[in-house]
Amino acid sequence: MSVWDRYRLRWRRKKLRYRAYRRRRQLDPVRLRTASIARNAILVAAVLRNERSLLPYFLRYYRQLGVDHFLIVDNGSDDGSREYLEAQSDVSLWHTTASYKSARFGVDWLNWILMRNGVGHWVLTVDIDEFFIYPFCDTRPIRALTDWLDTYRLRSFPALVVDMYPKGHVDQTPYREGQNPFEIADHFDSGNYMISRNPLYQNLWIQGGPRARTMFADAPHNAPSLNKIPLVKWRWPDCYASSTHMLLPRSLNQVYDEWGGEKASGCLLHAKFISTLGAKVAEELARREHFAESREYLAYSETLRSGESLWCKWSEKYVNWRQLEILGLMSKGNWA
């Protein structure tokens, strides 16, 4: 990397951290339990709006994985999400009605919260509809993974977003509050993924899956990016640069093996395509707070209106993490 690139990235990191510092004024503490966070606690960080129906399963899922505490920003929910989270003993909650878009889609808020509360901890940063899958997750808690990463002095762990969808239309089976969404959205694309590398940040850039195949078939380069680095052993200088797709320092983005081998990786099962999608799309199209003037939500709206199913004859029914490894969507690397 050239001296100029080093300077650019160093300046970019300082700028992003300063943005996060300034955006701290937008966050009102609702119920902070950060004093109870143990020294070796594993944390989940998230920003949400109106996710009350999915929250019970989200919290249960990550508690069962072994997460100790949740750091959550509520962005103006009016469906009871705030009140529900306030009552949870392992949740620290902030509230804001500020613009999600102007806070870089919530990343400024998360960077500030992690600067204050995440240093020295393994932090899993996810959306409320993302569920982390890693090698041996059916038999080993997440601490087994973080202990292994600590042993090899690895500070970041990547995951591919795997869009899950039902065999029929997304509205066909109503989602019940607290239900496992993958009882409904139980299929995924086993192929159809494109991969490249960002030359400056050194992170991989992956697109594809059912959204590229159907909603962005005419312009797959506009499809949402599926590469994320959600699990990080947080240090003071760290910050997310673009959602959880890439970080600074850029060494945290180098989560792949350039020499032909495989590094361990996971997946984020994405539970967006269930019956709650219609209400979410209507709300977000009215707010226009998402990337590229909510281009993604316009595509969702068109899919809902057409009645098109994301399922096709090449769709795979989800079984477990080992299936994802066999298909090459994740890897256990040298973790045995």
C-alpha atoms as a PDB file:
ATOM      1  CA  MET A   1       0.000   0.000   0.000  1.00  0.00           C
ATOM      2  CA  SER A   2       1.335   3.409  -0.942  1.00  0.00           C
ATOM      3  CA  VAL A   3       2.096   6.174   1.545  1.00  0.00           C
ATOM      4  CA  TRP A   4      -0.773   8.168   0.029  1.00  0.00           C
ATOM      5  CA  ASP A   5      -3.246   5.312   0.548  1.00  0.00           C
ATOM      6  CA  ARG A   6      -2.134   4.927   4.158  1.00  0.00           C
ATOM      7  CA  TYR A   7      -2.705   8.631   4.697  1.00  0.00           C
ATOM      8  CA  ARG A   8      -6.143   8.508   3.052  1.00  0.00           C
ATOM      9  CA  LEU A   9      -7.281   5.592   5.186  1.00  0.00           C
ATOM     10  CA  ARG A  10      -5.915   7.073   8.383  1.00  0.00           C
ATOM     11  CA  TRP A  11      -7.699  10.361   7.667  1.00  0.00           C
ATOM     12  CA  ARG A  12     -10.888   8.494   6.723  1.00  0.00           C
ATOM     13  CA  ARG A  13     -10.843   6.582  10.004  1.00  0.00           C
ATOM     14  CA  LYS A  14     -10.366   9.772  12.033  1.00  0.00           C
ATOM     15  CA  LYS A  15     -13.197  11.453  10.138  1.00  0.00           C
ATOM     16  CA  LEU A  16     -15.587   8.536  10.738  1.00  0.00           C
ATOM     17  CA  ARG A  17     -14.773   8.399  14.425  1.00  0.00           C
ATOM     18  CA  TYR A  18     -15.304  12.153  14.726  1.00  0.00           C
ATOM     19  CA  ARG A  19     -18.672  11.791  12.961  1.00  0.00           C
ATOM     20  CA  ALA A  20     -19.624   9.129  15.502  1.00  0.00           C
ATOM     21  CA  TYR A  21     -18.530  11.406  18.347  1.00  0.00           C
ATOM     22  CA  ARG A  22     -20.724  14.220  17.042  1.00  0.00           C
ATOM     23  CA  ARG A  23     -23.738  11.937  16.481  1.00  0.00           C
ATOM     24  CA  ARG A  24     -23.636  10.853  20.138  1.00  0.00           C
ATOM     25  CA  ARG A  25     -25.892  13.827  20.928  1.00  0.00           C
ATOM     26  CA  GLN A  26     -28.669  12.197  18.895  1.00  0.00           C
ATOM     27  CA  LEU A  27     -28.816   9.201  21.238  1.00  0.00           C
ATOM     28  CA  ASP A  28     -30.976   9.397  24.356  1.00  0.00           C
ATOM     29  CA  PRO A  29     -30.292   6.688  26.954  1.00  0.00           C
ATOM     30  CA  VAL A  30     -33.471   4.778  27.772  1.00  0.00           C
ATOM     31  CA  ARG A  31     -32.173   1.990  30.002  1.00  0.00           C
ATOM     32  CA  LEU A  32     -28.408   1.520  30.265  1.00  0.00           C
ATOM     33  CA  ARG A  33     -27.133  -1.599  31.970  1.00  0.00           C
ATOM     34  CA  THR A  34     -23.580  -1.309  30.650  1.00  0.00           C
ATOM     35  CA  ALA A  35     -22.162  -1.289  34.186  1.00  0.00           C
ATOM     36  CA  SER A  36     -23.192  -4.938  34.462  1.00  0.00           C
ATOM     37  CA  ILE A  37     -21.190  -6.002  31.379  1.00  0.00           C
ATOM     38  CA  ALA A  38     -18.499  -8.441  32.506  1.00  0.00           C
ATOM     39  CA  ARG A  39     -14.939  -8.044  31.324  1.00  0.00           C
ATOM     40  CA  ASN A  40     -15.114 -11.015  28.939  1.00  0.00           C
ATOM     41  CA  ALA A  41     -18.750 -10.553  27.875  1.00  0.00           C
ATOM     42  CA  ILE A  42     -19.728 -11.214  24.259  1.00  0.00           C
ATOM     43  CA  LEU A  43     -21.941  -8.424  22.918  1.00  0.00           C
ATOM     44  CA  VAL A  44     -24.494  -7.965  20.156  1.00  0.00           C
ATOM     45  CA  ALA A  45     -24.970  -4.477  18.678  1.00  0.00           C
ATOM     46  CA  ALA A  46     -27.919  -3.463  16.488  1.00  0.00           C
ATOM     47  CA  VAL A  47     -30.073  -0.587  15.243  1.00  0.00           C
ATOM     48  CA  LEU A  48     -33.771  -1.235  14.733  1.00  0.00           C
ATOM     49  CA  ARG A  49     -37.115   0.317  13.952  1.00  0.00           C
ATOM     50  CA  ASN A  50     -40.456  -1.437  14.464  1.00  0.00           C
ATOM     51  CA  GLU A  51     -39.256  -5.020  14.857  1.00  0.00           C
ATOM     52  CA  ARG A  52     -41.488  -6.070  17.746  1.00  0.00           C
ATOM     53  CA  SER A  53     -42.688  -9.319  16.142  1.00  0.00           C
ATOM     54  CA  LEU A  54     -39.152 -10.597  15.470  1.00  0.00           C
ATOM     55  CA  LEU A  55     -37.507  -9.414  18.681  1.00  0.00           C
ATOM     56  CA  PRO A  56     -38.489 -12.345  20.956  1.00  0.00           C
ATOM     57  CA  TYR A  57     -36.909 -14.871  18.604  1.00  0.00           C
ATOM     58  CA  PHE A  58     -33.897 -12.624  17.931  1.00  0.00           C
ATOM     59  CA  LEU A  59     -33.072 -12.297  21.630  1.00  0.00           C
ATOM     60  CA  ARG A  60     -33.736 -15.974  22.328  1.00  0.00           C
ATOM     61  CA  TYR A  61     -31.567 -17.082  19.421  1.00  0.00           C
ATOM     62  CA  TYR A  62     -28.531 -15.052  20.455  1.00  0.00           C
ATOM     63  CA  ARG A  63     -28.921 -15.840  24.144  1.00  0.00           C
ATOM     64  CA  GLN A  64     -28.853 -19.529  23.256  1.00  0.00           C
ATOM     65  CA  LEU A  65     -25.646 -18.966  21.262  1.00  0.00           C
ATOM     66  CA  GLY A  66     -24.067 -17.530  24.396  1.00  0.00           C
ATOM     67  CA  VAL A  67     -24.316 -13.752  23.906  1.00  0.00           C
ATOM     68  CA  ASP A  68     -24.111 -11.949  27.248  1.00  0.00           C
ATOM     69  CA  HIS A  69     -25.408  -8.447  26.527  1.00  0.00           C
ATOM     70  CA  PHE A  70     -27.195  -6.458  23.812  1.00  0.00           C
ATOM     71  CA  LEU A  71     -26.432  -2.849  22.811  1.00  0.00           C
ATOM     72  CA  ILE A  72     -29.440  -1.619  20.834  1.00  0.00           C
ATOM     73  CA  VAL A  73     -30.473   1.684  19.277  1.00  0.00           C
ATOM     74  CA  ASP A  74     -34.198   2.161  18.712  1.00  0.00           C
ATOM     75  CA  ASN A  75     -34.796   4.555  15.827  1.00  0.00           C
ATOM     76  CA  GLY A  76     -38.253   5.892  16.612  1.00  0.00           C
ATOM     77  CA  SER A  77     -40.232   2.659  16.889  1.00  0.00           C
ATOM     78  CA  ASP A  78     -43.970   3.013  17.508  1.00  0.00           C
ATOM     79  CA  ASP A  79     -44.916  -0.690  17.601  1.00  0.00           C
ATOM     80  CA  GLY A  80     -43.846  -1.495  21.175  1.00  0.00           C
ATOM     81  CA  SER A  81     -40.236  -2.450  20.351  1.00  0.00           C
ATOM     82  CA  ARG A  82     -38.824   0.176  22.691  1.00  0.00           C
ATOM     83  CA  GLU A  83     -40.994  -0.843  25.628  1.00  0.00           C
ATOM     84  CA  TYR A  84     -40.261  -4.542  25.077  1.00  0.00           C
ATOM     85  CA  LEU A  85     -36.493  -3.986  24.991  1.00  0.00           C
ATOM     86  CA  GLU A  86     -36.563  -1.695  28.008  1.00  0.00           C
ATOM     87  CA  ALA A  87     -37.898  -4.586  30.087  1.00  0.00           C
ATOM     88  CA  GLN A  88     -35.079  -6.991  29.094  1.00  0.00           C
ATOM     89  CA  SER A  89     -32.432  -7.307  31.817  1.00  0.00           C
ATOM     90  CA  ASP A  90     -29.552  -7.963  29.398  1.00  0.00           C
ATOM     91  CA  VAL A  91     -30.306  -5.059  27.025  1.00  0.00           C
ATOM     92  CA  SER A  92     -28.837  -1.564  27.100  1.00  0.00           C
ATOM     93  CA  LEU A  93     -31.114   0.672  25.048  1.00  0.00           C
ATOM     94  CA  TRP A  94     -30.747   4.054  23.373  1.00  0.00           C
ATOM     95  CA  HIS A  95     -33.485   5.918  21.518  1.00  0.00           C
ATOM     96  CA  THR A  96     -33.324   8.437  18.690  1.00  0.00           C
ATOM     97  CA  THR A  97     -35.723  10.000  16.219  1.00  0.00           C
ATOM     98  CA  ALA A  98     -32.859  11.431  14.140  1.00  0.00           C
ATOM     99  CA  SER A  99     -32.372  10.525  10.497  1.00  0.00           C
ATOM    100  CA  TYR A 100     -31.133   6.988   9.933  1.00  0.00           C
ATOM    101  CA  LYS A 101     -29.802   8.083   6.541  1.00  0.00           C
ATOM    102  CA  SER A 102     -27.827  11.059   7.875  1.00  0.00           C
ATOM    103  CA  ALA A 103     -26.214   8.799  10.490  1.00  0.00           C
ATOM    104  CA  ARG A 104     -24.812   6.716   7.601  1.00  0.00           C
ATOM    105  CA  PHE A 105     -27.667   4.253   7.978  1.00  0.00           C
ATOM    106  CA  GLY A 106     -27.068   3.898  11.704  1.00  0.00           C
ATOM    107  CA  VAL A 107     -23.339   3.185  11.497  1.00  0.00           C
ATOM    108  CA  ASP A 108     -22.376   6.460  13.192  1.00  0.00           C
ATOM    109  CA  TRP A 109     -24.515   5.526  16.194  1.00  0.00           C
ATOM    110  CA  LEU A 110     -23.048   2.038  16.389  1.00  0.00           C
ATOM    111  CA  ASN A 111     -19.476   3.274  16.069  1.00  0.00           C
ATOM    112  CA  TRP A 112     -20.010   5.641  18.982  1.00  0.00           C
ATOM    113  CA  ILE A 113     -21.629   3.006  21.183  1.00  0.00           C
ATOM    114  CA  LEU A 114     -18.809   0.548  20.438  1.00  0.00           C
ATOM    115  CA  MET A 115     -16.179   3.199  21.121  1.00  0.00           C
ATOM    116  CA  ARG A 116     -17.727   3.607  24.574  1.00  0.00           C
ATOM    117  CA  ASN A 117     -18.797   0.053  25.406  1.00  0.00           C
ATOM    118  CA  GLY A 118     -17.220  -2.431  23.003  1.00  0.00           C
ATOM    119  CA  VAL A 119     -13.480  -1.998  23.536  1.00  0.00           C
ATOM    120  CA  GLY A 120     -11.893  -5.282  24.601  1.00  0.00           C
ATOM    121  CA  HIS A 121     -15.018  -7.316  23.806  1.00  0.00           C
ATOM    122  CA  TRP A 122     -16.019  -9.596  20.981  1.00  0.00           C
ATOM    123  CA  VAL A 123     -18.919  -7.744  19.358  1.00  0.00           C
ATOM    124  CA  LEU A 124     -21.393  -9.193  16.866  1.00  0.00           C
ATOM    125  CA  THR A 125     -23.022  -6.369  14.879  1.00  0.00           C
ATOM    126  CA  VAL A 126     -26.147  -7.517  13.031  1.00  0.00           C
ATOM    127  CA  ASP A 127     -29.557  -6.432  11.814  1.00  0.00           C
ATOM    128  CA  ILE A 128     -32.576  -7.751  13.686  1.00  0.00           C
ATOM    129  CA  ASP A 129     -33.410 -10.044  10.762  1.00  0.00           C
ATOM    130  CA  GLU A 130     -29.895 -11.553  10.577  1.00  0.00           C
ATOM    131  CA  PHE A 131     -29.026 -14.773  12.403  1.00  0.00           C
ATOM    132  CA  PHE A 132     -25.389 -15.758  12.739  1.00  0.00           C
ATOM    133  CA  ILE A 133     -24.364 -19.273  11.710  1.00  0.00           C
ATOM    134  CA  TYR A 134     -20.788 -20.483  12.264  1.00  0.00           C
ATOM    135  CA  PRO A 135     -19.012 -23.860  12.134  1.00  0.00           C
ATOM    136  CA  PHE A 136     -20.238 -26.239  14.861  1.00  0.00           C
ATOM    137  CA  CYS A 137     -22.870 -23.729  16.030  1.00  0.00           C
ATOM    138  CA  ASP A 138     -25.219 -26.641  16.703  1.00  0.00           C
ATOM    139  CA  THR A 139     -22.866 -28.075  19.343  1.00  0.00           C
ATOM    140  CA  ARG A 140     -20.538 -25.254  20.431  1.00  0.00           C
ATOM    141  CA  PRO A 141     -21.419 -21.854  21.941  1.00  0.00           C
ATOM    142  CA  ILE A 142     -20.152 -18.688  20.357  1.00  0.00           C
ATOM    143  CA  ARG A 143     -17.476 -18.425  23.061  1.00  0.00           C
ATOM    144  CA  ALA A 144     -15.829 -21.541  21.614  1.00  0.00           C
ATOM    145  CA  LEU A 145     -15.470 -19.635  18.352  1.00  0.00           C
ATOM    146  CA  THR A 146     -14.136 -16.449  19.977  1.00  0.00           C
ATOM    147  CA  ASP A 147     -11.702 -18.455  22.134  1.00  0.00           C
ATOM    148  CA  TRP A 148     -10.384 -20.146  18.991  1.00  0.00           C
ATOM    149  CA  LEU A 149     -10.046 -16.771  17.252  1.00  0.00           C
ATOM    150  CA  ASP A 150      -8.180 -15.400  20.288  1.00  0.00           C
ATOM    151  CA  THR A 151      -5.818 -18.382  20.237  1.00  0.00           C
ATOM    152  CA  TYR A 152      -4.836 -17.613  16.641  1.00  0.00           C
ATOM    153  CA  ARG A 153      -4.841 -13.840  17.241  1.00  0.00           C
ATOM    154  CA  LEU A 154      -7.595 -13.249  14.733  1.00  0.00           C
ATOM    155  CA  ARG A 155      -9.710 -10.165  15.446  1.00  0.00           C
ATOM    156  CA  SER A 156     -12.431 -10.408  12.814  1.00  0.00           C
ATOM    157  CA  PHE A 157     -14.672 -13.107  11.398  1.00  0.00           C
ATOM    158  CA  PRO A 158     -16.658 -12.815   8.135  1.00  0.00           C
ATOM    159  CA  ALA A 159     -20.114 -13.991   7.179  1.00  0.00           C
ATOM    160  CA  LEU A 160     -22.023 -14.243   3.909  1.00  0.00           C
ATOM    161  CA  VAL A 161     -25.609 -12.992   3.994  1.00  0.00           C
ATOM    162  CA  VAL A 162     -27.825 -15.852   2.806  1.00  0.00           C
ATOM    163  CA  ASP A 163     -31.286 -14.648   1.824  1.00  0.00           C
ATOM    164  CA  MET A 164     -33.885 -17.121   3.048  1.00  0.00           C
ATOM    165  CA  TYR A 165     -37.303 -17.310   1.408  1.00  0.00           C
ATOM    166  CA  PRO A 166     -40.402 -19.533   1.334  1.00  0.00           C
ATOM    167  CA  LYS A 167     -41.392 -21.803  -1.526  1.00  0.00           C
ATOM    168  CA  GLY A 168     -44.495 -19.723  -2.184  1.00  0.00           C
ATOM    169  CA  HIS A 169     -45.143 -15.998  -2.064  1.00  0.00           C
ATOM    170  CA  VAL A 170     -43.744 -14.206   0.991  1.00  0.00           C
ATOM    171  CA  ASP A 171     -47.275 -13.308   2.188  1.00  0.00           C
ATOM    172  CA  GLN A 172     -48.578 -16.857   1.884  1.00  0.00           C
ATOM    173  CA  THR A 173     -47.862 -17.961   5.475  1.00  0.00           C
ATOM    174  CA  PRO A 174     -48.411 -15.408   8.263  1.00  0.00           C
ATOM    175  CA  TYR A 175     -45.503 -14.973  10.657  1.00  0.00           C
ATOM    176  CA  ARG A 176     -46.390 -15.325  14.346  1.00  0.00           C
ATOM    177  CA  GLU A 177     -44.587 -13.186  16.904  1.00  0.00           C
ATOM    178  CA  GLY A 178     -41.586 -15.027  18.358  1.00  0.00           C
ATOM    179  CA  GLN A 179     -41.738 -17.830  15.776  1.00  0.00           C
ATOM    180  CA  ASN A 180     -38.564 -19.168  14.188  1.00  0.00           C
ATOM    181  CA  PRO A 181     -38.782 -17.385  10.803  1.00  0.00           C
ATOM    182  CA  PHE A 182     -36.921 -20.213   9.093  1.00  0.00           C
ATOM    183  CA  GLU A 183     -39.884 -22.486   9.642  1.00  0.00           C
ATOM    184  CA  ILE A 184     -41.419 -20.362   6.863  1.00  0.00           C
ATOM    185  CA  ALA A 185     -38.443 -18.999   4.932  1.00  0.00           C
ATOM    186  CA  ASP A 186     -36.639 -22.314   4.536  1.00  0.00           C
ATOM    187  CA  HIS A 187     -35.049 -22.071   1.071  1.00  0.00           C
ATOM    188  CA  PHE A 188     -31.980 -20.287  -0.316  1.00  0.00           C
ATOM    189  CA  ASP A 189     -29.813 -19.974  -3.423  1.00  0.00           C
ATOM    190  CA  SER A 190     -26.868 -22.340  -3.331  1.00  0.00           C
ATOM    191  CA  GLY A 191     -25.078 -20.582  -6.217  1.00  0.00           C
ATOM    192  CA  ASN A 192     -25.427 -17.433  -8.298  1.00  0.00           C
ATOM    193  CA  TYR A 193     -22.859 -15.360  -6.390  1.00  0.00           C
ATOM    194  CA  MET A 194     -20.376 -12.840  -7.825  1.00  0.00           C
ATOM    195  CA  ILE A 195     -17.207 -11.877  -5.965  1.00  0.00           C
ATOM    196  CA  SER A 196     -14.579  -9.147  -6.331  1.00  0.00           C
ATOM    197  CA  ARG A 197     -12.136  -7.332  -4.072  1.00  0.00           C
ATOM    198  CA  ASN A 198     -11.986  -3.670  -3.112  1.00  0.00           C
ATOM    199  CA  PRO A 199      -8.431  -2.588  -3.975  1.00  0.00           C
ATOM    200  CA  LEU A 200      -8.213   0.111  -1.301  1.00  0.00           C
ATOM    201  CA  TYR A 201     -10.035  -1.424   1.673  1.00  0.00           C
ATOM    202  CA  GLN A 202      -9.075  -5.005   0.725  1.00  0.00           C
ATOM    203  CA  ASN A 203     -12.498  -6.393   1.634  1.00  0.00           C
ATOM    204  CA  LEU A 204     -14.333  -8.853  -0.574  1.00  0.00           C
ATOM    205  CA  TRP A 205     -17.467  -7.639  -2.347  1.00  0.00           C
ATOM    206  CA  ILE A 206     -20.129 -10.297  -2.946  1.00  0.00           C
ATOM    207  CA  GLN A 207     -23.469  -9.973  -4.710  1.00  0.00           C
ATOM    208  CA  GLY A 208     -26.017 -12.456  -5.917  1.00  0.00           C
ATOM    209  CA  GLY A 209     -28.661 -14.733  -4.469  1.00  0.00           C
ATOM    210  CA  PRO A 210     -32.403 -14.350  -5.062  1.00  0.00           C
ATOM    211  CA  ARG A 211     -32.416 -10.559  -5.013  1.00  0.00           C
ATOM    212  CA  ALA A 212     -29.854 -10.324  -7.819  1.00  0.00           C
ATOM    213  CA  ARG A 213     -31.595 -13.171  -9.675  1.00  0.00           C
ATOM    214  CA  THR A 214     -35.084 -11.657  -9.600  1.00  0.00           C
ATOM    215  CA  MET A 215     -35.270  -8.040  -8.394  1.00  0.00           C
ATOM    216  CA  PHE A 216     -32.043  -6.854 -10.025  1.00  0.00           C
ATOM    217  CA  ALA A 217     -31.875  -9.253 -12.970  1.00  0.00           C
ATOM    218  CA  ASP A 218     -31.355  -6.390 -15.434  1.00  0.00           C
ATOM    219  CA  ALA A 219     -28.683  -4.696 -13.303  1.00  0.00           C
ATOM    220  CA  PRO A 220     -27.095  -7.267 -10.964  1.00  0.00           C
ATOM    221  CA  HIS A 221     -24.314  -4.795 -10.072  1.00  0.00           C
ATOM    222  CA  ASN A 222     -27.007  -2.811  -8.226  1.00  0.00           C
ATOM    223  CA  ALA A 223     -28.001  -5.805  -6.090  1.00  0.00           C
ATOM    224  CA  PRO A 224     -27.340  -5.539  -2.338  1.00  0.00           C
ATOM    225  CA  SER A 225     -23.888  -6.550  -1.117  1.00  0.00           C
ATOM    226  CA  LEU A 226     -23.833  -9.811   0.827  1.00  0.00           C
ATOM    227  CA  ASN A 227     -20.352  -9.663   2.362  1.00  0.00           C
ATOM    228  CA  LYS A 228     -20.206  -8.698   6.028  1.00  0.00           C
ATOM    229  CA  ILE A 229     -17.678  -8.801   8.843  1.00  0.00           C
ATOM    230  CA  PRO A 230     -20.054  -8.892  11.811  1.00  0.00           C
ATOM    231  CA  LEU A 231     -17.829 -10.385  14.543  1.00  0.00           C
ATOM    232  CA  VAL A 232     -14.926  -8.216  15.728  1.00  0.00           C
ATOM    233  CA  LYS A 233     -12.691  -8.106  18.810  1.00  0.00           C
ATOM    234  CA  TRP A 234     -13.133  -4.371  19.266  1.00  0.00           C
ATOM    235  CA  ARG A 235     -10.257  -1.992  19.909  1.00  0.00           C
ATOM    236  CA  TRP A 236     -10.286   1.749  20.454  1.00  0.00           C
ATOM    237  CA  PRO A 237      -9.172   2.750  16.896  1.00  0.00           C
ATOM    238  CA  ASP A 238     -11.704   0.508  15.133  1.00  0.00           C
ATOM    239  CA  CYS A 239     -14.737   1.679  13.195  1.00  0.00           C
ATOM    240  CA  TYR A 240     -17.100   0.401  10.558  1.00  0.00           C
ATOM    241  CA  ALA A 241     -16.581   2.281   7.295  1.00  0.00           C
ATOM    242  CA  SER A 242     -19.610   1.079   5.295  1.00  0.00           C
ATOM    243  CA  SER A 243     -22.337  -0.705   7.229  1.00  0.00           C
ATOM    244  CA  THR A 244     -20.693  -3.945   8.402  1.00  0.00           C
ATOM    245  CA  HIS A 245     -19.247  -4.577   4.943  1.00  0.00           C
ATOM    246  CA  MET A 246     -15.827  -3.122   5.736  1.00  0.00           C
ATOM    247  CA  LEU A 247     -13.826  -1.741   8.630  1.00  0.00           C
ATOM    248  CA  LEU A 248     -10.864   0.417   9.440  1.00  0.00           C
ATOM    249  CA  PRO A 249      -8.047  -0.371  10.061  1.00  0.00           C
ATOM    250  CA  ARG A 250      -8.243  -2.300   6.815  1.00  0.00           C
ATOM    251  CA  SER A 251      -6.358  -5.286   8.261  1.00  0.00           C
ATOM    252  CA  LEU A 252      -9.705  -6.295   9.791  1.00  0.00           C
ATOM    253  CA  ASN A 253     -11.058  -6.789   6.263  1.00  0.00           C
ATOM    254  CA  GLN A 254      -8.483  -9.400   5.270  1.00  0.00           C
ATOM    255  CA  VAL A 255     -10.539 -12.398   6.333  1.00  0.00           C
ATOM    256  CA  TYR A 256      -9.750 -14.612   3.337  1.00  0.00           C
ATOM    257  CA  ASP A 257      -6.746 -16.665   2.235  1.00  0.00           C
ATOM    258  CA  GLU A 258      -4.958 -15.304  -0.821  1.00  0.00           C
ATOM    259  CA  TRP A 259      -2.884 -18.464  -1.237  1.00  0.00           C
ATOM    260  CA  GLY A 260      -5.624 -20.859  -2.206  1.00  0.00           C
ATOM    261  CA  GLY A 261      -6.552 -22.207   1.215  1.00  0.00           C
ATOM    262  CA  GLU A 262      -9.690 -21.555   3.217  1.00  0.00           C
ATOM    263  CA  LYS A 263     -10.121 -19.398   6.277  1.00  0.00           C
ATOM    264  CA  ALA A 264     -12.987 -20.064   8.653  1.00  0.00           C
ATOM    265  CA  SER A 265     -16.148 -18.127   7.891  1.00  0.00           C
ATOM    266  CA  GLY A 266     -19.841 -18.132   8.689  1.00  0.00           C
ATOM    267  CA  CYS A 267     -23.192 -17.009   7.318  1.00  0.00           C
ATOM    268  CA  LEU A 268     -25.958 -14.645   8.317  1.00  0.00           C
ATOM    269  CA  LEU A 269     -29.323 -16.240   7.599  1.00  0.00           C
ATOM    270  CA  HIS A 270     -31.474 -13.329   6.441  1.00  0.00           C
ATOM    271  CA  ALA A 271     -35.116 -13.475   7.543  1.00  0.00           C
ATOM    272  CA  LYS A 272     -36.491 -10.524   5.568  1.00  0.00           C
ATOM    273  CA  PHE A 273     -38.729 -12.450   3.175  1.00  0.00           C
ATOM    274  CA  ILE A 274     -41.638 -13.342   5.438  1.00  0.00           C
ATOM    275  CA  SER A 275     -45.159 -11.923   5.731  1.00  0.00           C
ATOM    276  CA  THR A 276     -44.020  -8.862   7.725  1.00  0.00           C
ATOM    277  CA  LEU A 277     -42.194  -7.549   4.646  1.00  0.00           C
ATOM    278  CA  GLY A 278     -45.201  -5.743   3.160  1.00  0.00           C
ATOM    279  CA  ALA A 279     -45.691  -3.436   6.134  1.00  0.00           C
ATOM    280  CA  LYS A 280     -41.957  -2.811   6.358  1.00  0.00           C
ATOM    281  CA  VAL A 281     -41.747  -1.894   2.663  1.00  0.00           C
ATOM    282  CA  ALA A 282     -44.677   0.536   2.897  1.00  0.00           C
ATOM    283  CA  GLU A 283     -43.120   2.253   5.906  1.00  0.00           C
ATOM    284  CA  GLU A 284     -39.637   2.530   4.437  1.00  0.00           C
ATOM    285  CA  LEU A 285     -40.834   3.798   1.061  1.00  0.00           C
ATOM    286  CA  ALA A 286     -42.641   6.580   2.897  1.00  0.00           C
ATOM    287  CA  ARG A 287     -39.584   7.415   5.018  1.00  0.00           C
ATOM    288  CA  ARG A 288     -36.950   7.153   2.224  1.00  0.00           C
ATOM    289  CA  GLU A 289     -34.205   6.625   4.787  1.00  0.00           C
ATOM    290  CA  HIS A 290     -32.382   3.769   3.072  1.00  0.00           C
ATOM    291  CA  PHE A 291     -29.491   3.618   0.627  1.00  0.00           C
ATOM    292  CA  ALA A 292     -29.853   4.975  -2.953  1.00  0.00           C
ATOM    293  CA  GLU A 293     -33.267   6.532  -2.312  1.00  0.00           C
ATOM    294  CA  SER A 294     -34.538   3.189  -1.015  1.00  0.00           C
ATOM    295  CA  ARG A 295     -33.827   1.461  -4.349  1.00  0.00           C
ATOM    296  CA  GLU A 296     -33.856  -1.904  -2.614  1.00  0.00           C
ATOM    297  CA  TYR A 297     -37.284  -1.298  -1.089  1.00  0.00           C
ATOM    298  CA  LEU A 298     -38.669  -0.225  -4.454  1.00  0.00           C
ATOM    299  CA  ALA A 299     -37.571  -3.619  -5.769  1.00  0.00           C
ATOM    300  CA  TYR A 300     -39.239  -5.357  -2.809  1.00  0.00           C
ATOM    301  CA  SER A 301     -42.442  -3.428  -3.507  1.00  0.00           C
ATOM    302  CA  GLU A 302     -42.486  -4.522  -7.130  1.00  0.00           C
ATOM    303  CA  THR A 303     -41.959  -8.165  -6.124  1.00  0.00           C
ATOM    304  CA  LEU A 304     -44.826  -8.006  -3.634  1.00  0.00           C
ATOM    305  CA  ARG A 305     -47.113  -6.326  -6.140  1.00  0.00           C
ATOM    306  CA  SER A 306     -46.375  -8.867  -8.873  1.00  0.00           C
ATOM    307  CA  GLY A 307     -46.936 -11.855  -6.600  1.00  0.00           C
ATOM    308  CA  GLU A 308     -43.653 -13.326  -7.816  1.00  0.00           C
ATOM    309  CA  SER A 309     -42.036 -16.042  -5.719  1.00  0.00           C
ATOM    310  CA  LEU A 310     -38.296 -16.019  -5.050  1.00  0.00           C
ATOM    311  CA  TRP A 311     -38.297 -19.811  -5.186  1.00  0.00           C
ATOM    312  CA  CYS A 312     -37.060 -21.553  -8.339  1.00  0.00           C
ATOM    313  CA  LYS A 313     -36.253 -25.131  -9.320  1.00  0.00           C
ATOM    314  CA  TRP A 314     -32.619 -24.654  -8.264  1.00  0.00           C
ATOM    315  CA  SER A 315     -33.520 -23.468  -4.753  1.00  0.00           C
ATOM    316  CA  GLU A 316     -32.130 -25.497  -1.851  1.00  0.00           C
ATOM    317  CA  LYS A 317     -34.049 -26.299   1.316  1.00  0.00           C
ATOM    318  CA  TYR A 318     -32.017 -25.343   4.374  1.00  0.00           C
ATOM    319  CA  VAL A 319     -30.807 -28.152   6.639  1.00  0.00           C
ATOM    320  CA  ASN A 320     -27.870 -26.954   8.753  1.00  0.00           C
ATOM    321  CA  TRP A 321     -24.465 -25.246   8.691  1.00  0.00           C
ATOM    322  CA  ARG A 322     -22.758 -28.355   7.311  1.00  0.00           C
ATOM    323  CA  GLN A 323     -24.905 -28.080   4.195  1.00  0.00           C
ATOM    324  CA  LEU A 324     -23.723 -24.475   3.752  1.00  0.00           C
ATOM    325  CA  GLU A 325     -20.122 -25.608   4.117  1.00  0.00           C
ATOM    326  CA  ILE A 326     -20.532 -28.384   1.529  1.00  0.00           C
ATOM    327  CA  LEU A 327     -21.974 -25.801  -0.880  1.00  0.00           C
ATOM    328  CA  GLY A 328     -19.005 -23.491  -0.295  1.00  0.00           C
ATOM    329  CA  LEU A 329     -20.953 -20.682   1.351  1.00  0.00           C
ATOM    330  CA  MET A 330     -18.978 -20.948   4.598  1.00  0.00           C
ATOM    331  CA  SER A 331     -15.950 -22.828   5.911  1.00  0.00           C
ATOM    332  CA  LYS A 332     -14.630 -24.275   9.143  1.00  0.00           C
ATOM    333  CA  GLY A 333     -11.059 -23.682   7.875  1.00  0.00           C
ATOM    334  CA  ASN A 334      -8.595 -25.270  10.286  1.00  0.00           C
ATOM    335  CA  TRP A 335     -11.009 -25.179  13.228  1.00  0.00           C
ATOM    336  CA  ALA A 336     -11.636 -28.800  14.099  1.00  0.00           C
END
